[in-house]
Amino acid sequence: MYYRLQEYCRLVAGASRGAIYNLQTGKVLSVNQGALQLLLACEQSPLEDILDIQAPEDKTFVDFLHRLTGMGLGSLYLTEPTPAKAGAPDEEPPKLNFLWLEITAACNNRCLHCYATSGPCADSDAVPHERWLSLIGEARAAGAAAIQLIGGEPLLYPRWRELVEKASAEGYEFIEIFTNATLVDDDCVAFCKKHNVNIATTIYADNATVHDRVTLNPGSFAATMGAVEKILATGIPLRIASIVMKANEHEAKNIMDLCARLGVEVTPPDVVRPTGRGDDKDLLPAAYAKPPIRPPFYTDPETFARAHSCHSCLHGKIAVTAAGDVIPCIFARGEICGNILATPLADVLNGQRLQQCWHTTKDQVDKCKDCEYRYACTDCRPLAQGSDAAKRWLACSVDCPYNPYTGKWEE
């Protein structure tokens, strides 16, 4: 007699516990070390070689297998079943899907936490306009379907409309401009409406006093909110993001309430990222924090497969800075994978540095590699790296209180 997990289940071992990933329901079930070792043994040997179903000392193990069967996670077999495909389902290699174009480092705001250290005096723009145009075509040819123009403040780039027109002509499925919205006027709104451009902006409070304290630009709140009204009145899809730091740490609920009143998606604000000017401990909020990583965990066959070979967030993405540097994320400023002024985009995409970033998995990350939840957990490498004293790319996540070596969730 044999016992096996169902073909849609995967057993993942951690340092002290294990987890059964049910790829049919998406649920992830934690099991202790004894259960983990029993299931691993069942994969190799007949049940009678592992335990005596009549022996009192084995009753706990037998009862456990019965519970798994009742939950639809495993089954008894009279003859040895065909071995299930080991590991993860096949996953295609990542290809470019999304890119940020940081078309200028100049900005009329001087936000306390700016990851790109942008401002009115920024002078790092080095990419000629024709190179931006050709890059949009190269990225589309490489598979990119979504593009976001950012800065600095992208509306300060004199020929930003030509970049949008190029992306539209190339057939991008999603085009977005991430702007502080202080420069949005009727002509800008009409142009975005005509070319099906989405707009994203950032609000740091529901009042000018706090918002302008973050942007260091008096009048920025009034200008941004005026633009928001224009955008919504025109029916352009609008996304509002927010970052919380010491200067606005009591505004999180107010910001979400404001978004609700405006009728846009309501999401909890993020915490300031340790990148650029944001890499300052004095900016960290004391009264606000996003919820830490906690169970329950969920996954699906595609996500589970990808987690074995690619990073859950970075794969298929690049950002190109105003200096022409290609990085895997707008927050990963130190992970330069090439420069589009010196190298064709295709060569950067196939280069070892970017491929290593795209293929960073939890199996490589400190602590995470010993965790049974590693294929169902999200991850932000720039946040982990920026929060690490040594700025290591493979540093463990800072927002996870789980200790895989004890199997306990710490306070």
Protein backbone atom coordinates (compact mmCIF):
# COMPACT_ATOMS: atom_id res chain seq x y z
CA MET A 1 0.00 0.00 0.00
CA TYR A 2 1.20 3.47 -0.85
CA TYR A 3 0.30 7.01 0.21
CA ARG A 4 0.82 10.01 -2.02
CA LEU A 5 -0.23 13.62 -2.12
CA GLN A 6 -2.60 14.47 -4.93
CA GLU A 7 -1.01 15.42 -8.25
CA TYR A 8 -2.09 19.04 -7.76
CA CYS A 9 -0.24 19.24 -4.43
CA ARG A 10 3.40 20.08 -3.84
CA LEU A 11 5.36 19.46 -0.65
CA VAL A 12 7.92 22.13 0.25
CA ALA A 13 10.41 21.64 3.06
CA GLY A 14 11.63 24.41 5.35
CA ALA A 15 14.27 24.38 8.05
CA SER A 16 11.92 23.23 10.81
CA ARG A 17 8.52 22.73 9.16
CA GLY A 18 7.01 22.01 5.78
CA ALA A 19 4.06 23.17 3.70
CA ILE A 20 1.62 21.51 1.33
CA TYR A 21 0.79 23.77 -1.61
CA ASN A 22 -2.64 22.94 -3.02
CA LEU A 23 -2.41 24.27 -6.56
CA GLN A 24 -6.09 23.52 -7.13
CA THR A 25 -7.49 25.70 -4.34
CA GLY A 26 -4.46 27.96 -3.90
CA LYS A 27 -4.23 27.26 -0.16
CA VAL A 28 -0.95 26.57 1.62
CA LEU A 29 -1.06 24.23 4.63
CA SER A 30 1.73 24.27 7.20
CA VAL A 31 2.85 20.92 8.63
CA ASN A 32 5.27 20.14 11.43
CA GLN A 33 8.60 18.34 11.10
CA GLY A 34 7.14 14.91 11.89
CA ALA A 35 4.47 15.25 9.22
CA LEU A 36 7.01 16.57 6.74
CA GLN A 37 9.33 13.60 7.27
CA LEU A 38 6.40 11.17 7.00
CA LEU A 39 5.28 12.60 3.66
CA LEU A 40 8.84 12.64 2.34
CA ALA A 41 9.20 8.98 3.31
CA CYS A 42 5.89 8.15 1.62
CA GLU A 43 7.29 9.51 -1.64
CA GLN A 44 10.04 6.87 -1.50
CA SER A 45 8.62 3.75 0.15
CA PRO A 46 5.47 1.64 0.66
CA LEU A 47 3.42 2.64 3.69
CA GLU A 48 4.07 -0.63 5.52
CA ASP A 49 7.82 0.05 5.40
CA ILE A 50 7.26 3.35 7.18
CA LEU A 51 4.72 2.63 9.91
CA ASP A 52 2.48 -0.04 11.37
CA ILE A 53 -1.12 1.10 10.97
CA GLN A 54 -2.13 -1.16 13.88
CA ALA A 55 0.53 0.01 16.32
CA PRO A 56 -0.61 2.52 18.98
CA GLU A 57 2.64 4.46 18.68
CA ASP A 58 1.88 5.13 14.99
CA LYS A 59 -1.73 6.16 15.48
CA THR A 60 -0.88 9.88 15.33
CA PHE A 61 0.70 9.43 11.91
CA VAL A 62 -2.16 7.30 10.61
CA ASP A 63 -4.70 9.85 11.81
CA PHE A 64 -2.74 12.59 10.06
CA LEU A 65 -2.87 10.74 6.74
CA HIS A 66 -6.61 10.18 7.19
CA ARG A 67 -7.08 13.92 7.74
CA LEU A 68 -5.11 14.73 4.60
CA THR A 69 -7.28 12.30 2.66
CA GLY A 70 -10.44 13.88 4.05
CA MET A 71 -9.16 17.31 2.96
CA GLY A 72 -8.57 16.07 -0.57
CA LEU A 73 -4.81 16.45 -0.30
CA GLY A 74 -3.72 12.82 -0.44
CA SER A 75 -4.83 9.28 -1.18
CA LEU A 76 -4.05 5.61 -0.51
CA TYR A 77 -3.07 3.35 -3.42
CA LEU A 78 -2.96 -0.46 -3.54
CA THR A 79 -0.19 -0.38 -6.13
CA GLU A 80 2.58 2.12 -6.55
CA PRO A 81 1.22 5.10 -8.49
CA THR A 82 3.03 6.75 -11.36
CA PRO A 83 5.36 9.33 -9.81
CA ALA A 84 3.97 12.84 -9.99
CA LYS A 85 6.00 15.40 -11.88
CA ALA A 86 8.55 16.69 -9.41
CA GLY A 87 8.94 20.31 -8.48
CA ALA A 88 7.13 23.06 -10.30
CA PRO A 89 5.23 23.12 -13.58
CA ASP A 90 7.17 24.28 -16.62
CA GLU A 91 7.56 28.04 -16.82
CA GLU A 92 8.64 30.01 -19.87
CA PRO A 93 11.74 32.19 -19.49
CA PRO A 94 10.86 35.79 -18.61
CA LYS A 95 10.70 38.38 -21.34
CA LEU A 96 10.27 42.12 -21.18
CA ASN A 97 6.72 43.12 -20.34
CA PHE A 98 6.84 46.51 -18.59
CA LEU A 99 9.20 49.46 -18.56
CA TRP A 100 9.50 52.75 -16.73
CA LEU A 101 11.08 55.57 -18.70
CA GLU A 102 12.50 58.19 -16.36
CA ILE A 103 12.52 60.82 -19.08
CA THR A 104 13.84 63.64 -16.90
CA ALA A 105 15.36 64.08 -13.48
CA ALA A 106 14.01 67.62 -13.22
CA CYS A 107 11.04 68.25 -10.95
CA ASN A 108 9.24 71.32 -9.65
CA ASN A 109 8.68 69.51 -6.32
CA ARG A 110 11.53 68.70 -3.93
CA CYS A 111 9.92 65.82 -2.04
CA LEU A 112 11.66 64.82 1.18
CA HIS A 113 11.81 61.13 0.24
CA CYS A 114 12.40 61.19 -3.55
CA TYR A 115 13.96 57.89 -4.65
CA ALA A 116 15.52 59.58 -7.69
CA THR A 117 16.77 62.67 -5.79
CA SER A 118 14.90 64.80 -8.32
CA GLY A 119 14.35 68.53 -7.98
CA PRO A 120 14.49 71.88 -9.77
CA CYS A 121 18.28 71.75 -9.96
CA ALA A 122 18.65 68.15 -11.20
CA ASP A 123 20.87 68.04 -14.29
CA SER A 124 21.47 64.35 -14.99
CA ASP A 125 19.39 64.17 -18.19
CA ALA A 126 21.58 62.55 -20.83
CA VAL A 127 19.29 60.63 -23.19
CA PRO A 128 18.66 62.34 -26.54
CA HIS A 129 15.04 62.52 -27.64
CA GLU A 130 15.65 60.27 -30.65
CA ARG A 131 17.09 57.59 -28.35
CA TRP A 132 13.94 57.65 -26.24
CA LEU A 133 11.87 57.20 -29.40
CA SER A 134 13.99 54.31 -30.68
CA LEU A 135 14.02 52.71 -27.23
CA ILE A 136 10.21 52.64 -27.16
CA GLY A 137 10.28 50.70 -30.42
CA GLU A 138 13.03 48.33 -29.25
CA ALA A 139 11.14 47.56 -26.04
CA ARG A 140 7.93 46.84 -27.92
CA ALA A 141 9.79 44.52 -30.28
CA ALA A 142 11.21 42.73 -27.22
CA GLY A 143 7.69 42.04 -25.92
CA ALA A 144 6.84 45.03 -23.73
CA ALA A 145 3.11 45.68 -23.59
CA ALA A 146 3.03 48.36 -20.88
CA ILE A 147 4.98 51.58 -20.45
CA GLN A 148 5.03 54.31 -17.82
CA LEU A 149 6.60 57.74 -18.26
CA ILE A 150 8.04 59.03 -14.99
CA GLY A 151 10.63 61.49 -13.71
CA GLY A 152 11.41 63.67 -12.00
CA GLU A 153 8.29 65.30 -13.34
CA PRO A 154 7.65 63.91 -16.84
CA LEU A 155 5.53 66.90 -17.88
CA LEU A 156 8.67 69.05 -17.62
CA TYR A 157 10.13 67.08 -20.52
CA PRO A 158 9.32 69.36 -23.49
CA ARG A 159 8.51 66.58 -26.00
CA TRP A 160 6.73 64.08 -23.77
CA ARG A 161 3.71 64.04 -26.09
CA GLU A 162 5.86 62.66 -28.90
CA LEU A 163 6.89 59.76 -26.68
CA VAL A 164 3.25 58.98 -25.96
CA GLU A 165 2.41 59.13 -29.66
CA LYS A 166 5.30 56.77 -30.40
CA ALA A 167 4.15 54.29 -27.76
CA SER A 168 0.61 54.47 -29.11
CA ALA A 169 1.80 53.91 -32.68
CA GLU A 170 3.89 50.93 -31.55
CA GLY A 171 0.79 49.27 -30.11
CA TYR A 172 1.46 49.34 -26.37
CA GLU A 173 -1.58 48.00 -24.56
CA PHE A 174 -1.09 50.23 -21.51
CA ILE A 175 0.41 53.72 -21.38
CA GLU A 176 0.59 55.66 -18.13
CA ILE A 177 2.12 58.94 -17.02
CA PHE A 178 3.12 59.19 -13.36
CA THR A 179 3.06 62.89 -12.58
CA ASN A 180 2.79 65.08 -9.52
CA ALA A 181 -0.08 66.64 -11.52
CA THR A 182 0.82 70.23 -10.62
CA LEU A 183 1.41 70.99 -14.32
CA VAL A 184 -1.65 69.21 -15.71
CA ASP A 185 -3.80 71.62 -17.72
CA ASP A 186 -6.80 71.31 -20.04
CA ASP A 187 -4.60 70.66 -23.07
CA CYS A 188 -2.74 67.89 -21.25
CA VAL A 189 -5.99 66.25 -20.18
CA ALA A 190 -7.40 66.42 -23.72
CA PHE A 191 -4.22 64.87 -25.14
CA CYS A 192 -4.27 62.00 -22.64
CA LYS A 193 -7.93 61.37 -23.33
CA LYS A 194 -7.31 61.24 -27.08
CA HIS A 195 -4.43 58.79 -26.78
CA ASN A 196 -5.95 56.56 -24.07
CA VAL A 197 -3.26 57.47 -21.56
CA ASN A 198 -3.77 56.57 -17.91
CA ILE A 199 -2.57 59.01 -15.26
CA ALA A 200 -1.11 58.30 -11.83
CA THR A 201 -0.26 60.82 -9.15
CA THR A 202 0.73 60.99 -5.51
CA ILE A 203 -1.06 62.63 -2.60
CA TYR A 204 0.53 62.87 0.83
CA ALA A 205 -2.41 64.22 2.86
CA ASP A 206 -5.94 65.52 2.51
CA ASN A 207 -4.74 69.06 3.24
CA ALA A 208 -2.23 71.53 1.90
CA THR A 209 -0.34 72.01 5.15
CA VAL A 210 0.97 68.44 5.36
CA HIS A 211 1.12 67.67 1.64
CA ASP A 212 3.19 70.75 0.88
CA ARG A 213 5.43 69.96 3.85
CA VAL A 214 6.40 66.75 2.04
CA THR A 215 6.78 68.24 -1.45
CA LEU A 216 8.54 71.41 -0.23
CA ASN A 217 6.54 73.21 -2.89
CA PRO A 218 3.94 75.67 -1.55
CA GLY A 219 0.71 75.43 -3.51
CA SER A 220 1.40 71.91 -4.77
CA PHE A 221 -1.61 70.38 -3.01
CA ALA A 222 -4.04 72.86 -4.53
CA ALA A 223 -2.52 72.36 -7.99
CA THR A 224 -2.59 68.58 -7.73
CA MET A 225 -6.18 68.46 -6.48
CA GLY A 226 -7.28 70.84 -9.21
CA ALA A 227 -5.74 68.53 -11.78
CA VAL A 228 -7.36 65.50 -10.17
CA GLU A 229 -10.75 67.11 -10.63
CA LYS A 230 -10.04 67.79 -14.32
CA ILE A 231 -8.82 64.24 -14.90
CA LEU A 232 -11.79 62.59 -13.22
CA ALA A 233 -14.26 64.88 -14.97
CA THR A 234 -12.85 63.75 -18.31
CA GLY A 235 -13.09 60.06 -17.43
CA ILE A 236 -9.38 59.31 -17.74
CA PRO A 237 -8.37 56.34 -15.55
CA LEU A 238 -6.64 57.80 -12.50
CA ARG A 239 -4.52 56.05 -9.91
CA ILE A 240 -3.54 57.76 -6.66
CA ALA A 241 -0.57 56.47 -4.70
CA SER A 242 0.80 57.65 -1.39
CA ILE A 243 3.90 57.30 0.72
CA VAL A 244 3.93 57.73 4.48
CA MET A 245 6.89 59.12 6.37
CA LYS A 246 7.37 61.03 9.61
CA ALA A 247 6.07 64.26 8.07
CA ASN A 248 2.67 62.75 7.23
CA GLU A 249 2.45 59.60 9.36
CA HIS A 250 -0.98 60.50 10.76
CA GLU A 251 -2.51 61.06 7.32
CA ALA A 252 -2.91 57.44 6.14
CA LYS A 253 -6.62 57.15 6.93
CA ASN A 254 -7.30 60.66 5.68
CA ILE A 255 -5.65 59.82 2.35
CA MET A 256 -7.70 56.64 1.96
CA ASP A 257 -10.89 58.49 2.87
CA LEU A 258 -10.05 61.13 0.28
CA CYS A 259 -9.55 58.46 -2.39
CA ALA A 260 -12.91 56.94 -1.47
CA ARG A 261 -14.62 60.32 -1.83
CA LEU A 262 -12.96 60.83 -5.20
CA GLY A 263 -14.11 57.41 -6.36
CA VAL A 264 -10.65 56.02 -7.13
CA GLU A 265 -9.19 52.76 -5.86
CA VAL A 266 -8.42 52.84 -2.15
CA THR A 267 -5.16 51.18 -1.09
CA PRO A 268 -3.13 51.55 2.12
CA PRO A 269 -0.21 53.96 1.67
CA ASP A 270 3.26 52.52 1.37
CA VAL A 271 6.05 53.34 3.80
CA VAL A 272 8.95 55.45 2.58
CA ARG A 273 11.49 53.33 0.70
CA PRO A 274 15.18 53.56 1.69
CA THR A 275 16.30 54.80 -1.73
CA GLY A 276 17.66 58.18 -2.80
CA ARG A 277 16.60 60.89 -0.35
CA GLY A 278 14.33 58.28 1.22
CA ASP A 279 17.39 56.48 2.60
CA ASP A 280 17.21 58.48 5.81
CA LYS A 281 16.18 56.90 9.10
CA ASP A 282 14.92 60.26 10.31
CA LEU A 283 12.16 60.04 7.70
CA LEU A 284 10.76 56.76 9.01
CA PRO A 285 7.29 57.03 10.58
CA ALA A 286 6.87 55.99 14.20
CA ALA A 287 3.08 55.68 14.26
CA TYR A 288 2.42 53.95 10.92
CA ALA A 289 3.50 50.66 9.41
CA LYS A 290 2.07 48.41 6.75
CA PRO A 291 0.85 45.03 8.07
CA PRO A 292 3.73 42.54 8.29
CA ILE A 293 3.81 39.34 6.26
CA ARG A 294 1.46 36.83 7.89
CA PRO A 295 -0.45 33.69 6.92
CA PRO A 296 -2.69 32.61 5.33
CA PHE A 297 -0.71 32.27 2.10
CA TYR A 298 -2.19 31.53 -1.29
CA THR A 299 -0.73 30.66 -4.66
CA ASP A 300 -1.64 29.24 -8.06
CA PRO A 301 0.16 27.01 -10.57
CA GLU A 302 1.61 29.91 -12.57
CA THR A 303 2.83 31.84 -9.52
CA PHE A 304 4.23 28.69 -7.92
CA ALA A 305 6.11 27.79 -11.09
CA ARG A 306 7.51 31.27 -11.56
CA ALA A 307 8.70 31.46 -7.95
CA HIS A 308 11.13 28.61 -8.63
CA SER A 309 12.95 30.46 -11.38
CA CYS A 310 12.09 34.16 -11.34
CA HIS A 311 11.53 37.02 -8.96
CA SER A 312 7.86 37.51 -8.12
CA CYS A 313 7.93 41.24 -8.91
CA LEU A 314 11.04 42.08 -10.95
CA HIS A 315 10.83 39.56 -13.78
CA GLY A 316 9.97 41.15 -17.10
CA LYS A 317 10.46 44.73 -15.85
CA ILE A 318 13.10 47.38 -16.38
CA ALA A 319 13.48 51.06 -15.62
CA VAL A 320 15.63 53.40 -17.69
CA THR A 321 16.92 56.45 -15.84
CA ALA A 322 17.44 59.93 -17.21
CA ALA A 323 21.13 59.04 -17.44
CA GLY A 324 20.33 56.03 -19.64
CA ASP A 325 21.06 53.41 -16.98
CA VAL A 326 18.93 50.27 -17.08
CA ILE A 327 17.89 49.04 -13.63
CA PRO A 328 15.41 46.28 -12.66
CA CYS A 329 13.18 48.62 -10.65
CA ILE A 330 12.91 52.37 -10.08
CA PHE A 331 13.94 51.76 -6.46
CA ALA A 332 16.95 49.55 -7.32
CA ARG A 333 19.22 52.48 -8.15
CA GLY A 334 22.45 50.61 -7.48
CA GLU A 335 21.70 47.58 -9.66
CA ILE A 336 22.80 49.02 -13.00
CA CYS A 337 22.47 46.38 -15.72
CA GLY A 338 23.65 48.43 -18.68
CA ASN A 339 23.18 51.77 -20.36
CA ILE A 340 21.06 52.35 -23.47
CA LEU A 341 23.40 55.11 -24.66
CA ALA A 342 26.16 52.57 -25.15
CA THR A 343 24.31 49.29 -25.68
CA PRO A 344 21.28 48.14 -27.70
CA LEU A 345 18.37 47.26 -25.44
CA ALA A 346 18.34 43.65 -26.67
CA ASP A 347 21.90 43.17 -25.41
CA VAL A 348 21.01 44.61 -22.00
CA LEU A 349 17.95 42.34 -21.75
CA ASN A 350 20.06 39.29 -22.50
CA GLY A 351 22.94 40.43 -20.33
CA GLN A 352 24.02 38.49 -17.28
CA ARG A 353 23.35 41.28 -14.79
CA LEU A 354 19.69 41.83 -15.67
CA GLN A 355 19.05 38.12 -16.05
CA GLN A 356 20.45 37.55 -12.56
CA CYS A 357 18.07 40.18 -11.19
CA TRP A 358 15.09 38.70 -13.02
CA HIS A 359 16.05 35.22 -11.79
CA THR A 360 16.54 36.18 -8.14
CA THR A 361 14.39 33.72 -6.20
CA LYS A 362 13.64 33.12 -2.54
CA ASP A 363 15.90 30.06 -2.80
CA GLN A 364 18.82 32.51 -2.85
CA VAL A 365 17.68 35.01 -0.21
CA ASP A 366 18.92 34.90 3.37
CA LYS A 367 16.38 33.27 5.71
CA CYS A 368 13.79 33.01 2.95
CA LYS A 369 15.66 30.10 1.37
CA ASP A 370 14.98 28.07 4.52
CA CYS A 371 11.27 28.96 4.73
CA GLU A 372 8.50 26.60 3.63
CA TYR A 373 6.39 29.55 2.47
CA ARG A 374 9.01 30.83 0.03
CA TYR A 375 7.06 29.97 -3.14
CA ALA A 376 3.87 31.74 -2.00
CA CYS A 377 5.32 34.88 -0.43
CA THR A 378 5.79 38.28 -2.04
CA ASP A 379 9.12 40.08 -2.01
CA CYS A 380 10.63 43.51 -2.61
CA ARG A 381 14.36 43.23 -3.24
CA PRO A 382 15.02 46.99 -3.31
CA LEU A 383 13.28 47.38 0.06
CA ALA A 384 15.24 44.48 1.56
CA GLN A 385 18.50 45.76 0.12
CA GLY A 386 17.91 49.36 1.14
CA SER A 387 17.03 48.32 4.69
CA ASP A 388 20.14 46.15 5.07
CA ALA A 389 23.14 47.74 6.77
CA ALA A 390 25.48 46.24 4.16
CA LYS A 391 23.06 46.93 1.24
CA ARG A 392 23.12 43.27 0.18
CA TRP A 393 20.91 42.31 -2.76
CA LEU A 394 20.08 38.97 -1.11
CA ALA A 395 19.29 40.37 2.32
CA CYS A 396 16.13 38.96 3.92
CA SER A 397 12.85 40.85 3.86
CA VAL A 398 12.47 43.34 6.68
CA ASP A 399 8.70 42.99 7.05
CA CYS A 400 8.61 39.26 7.82
CA PRO A 401 8.43 38.22 11.50
CA TYR A 402 8.59 34.48 10.76
CA ASN A 403 11.56 32.45 12.00
CA PRO A 404 11.87 29.37 9.78
CA TYR A 405 14.45 27.86 12.10
CA THR A 406 12.01 27.70 15.03
CA GLY A 407 8.79 27.61 13.01
CA LYS A 408 7.39 30.48 15.04
CA TRP A 409 5.91 33.87 14.19
CA GLU A 410 7.59 36.46 16.34
CA GLU A 411 6.01 39.67 17.62
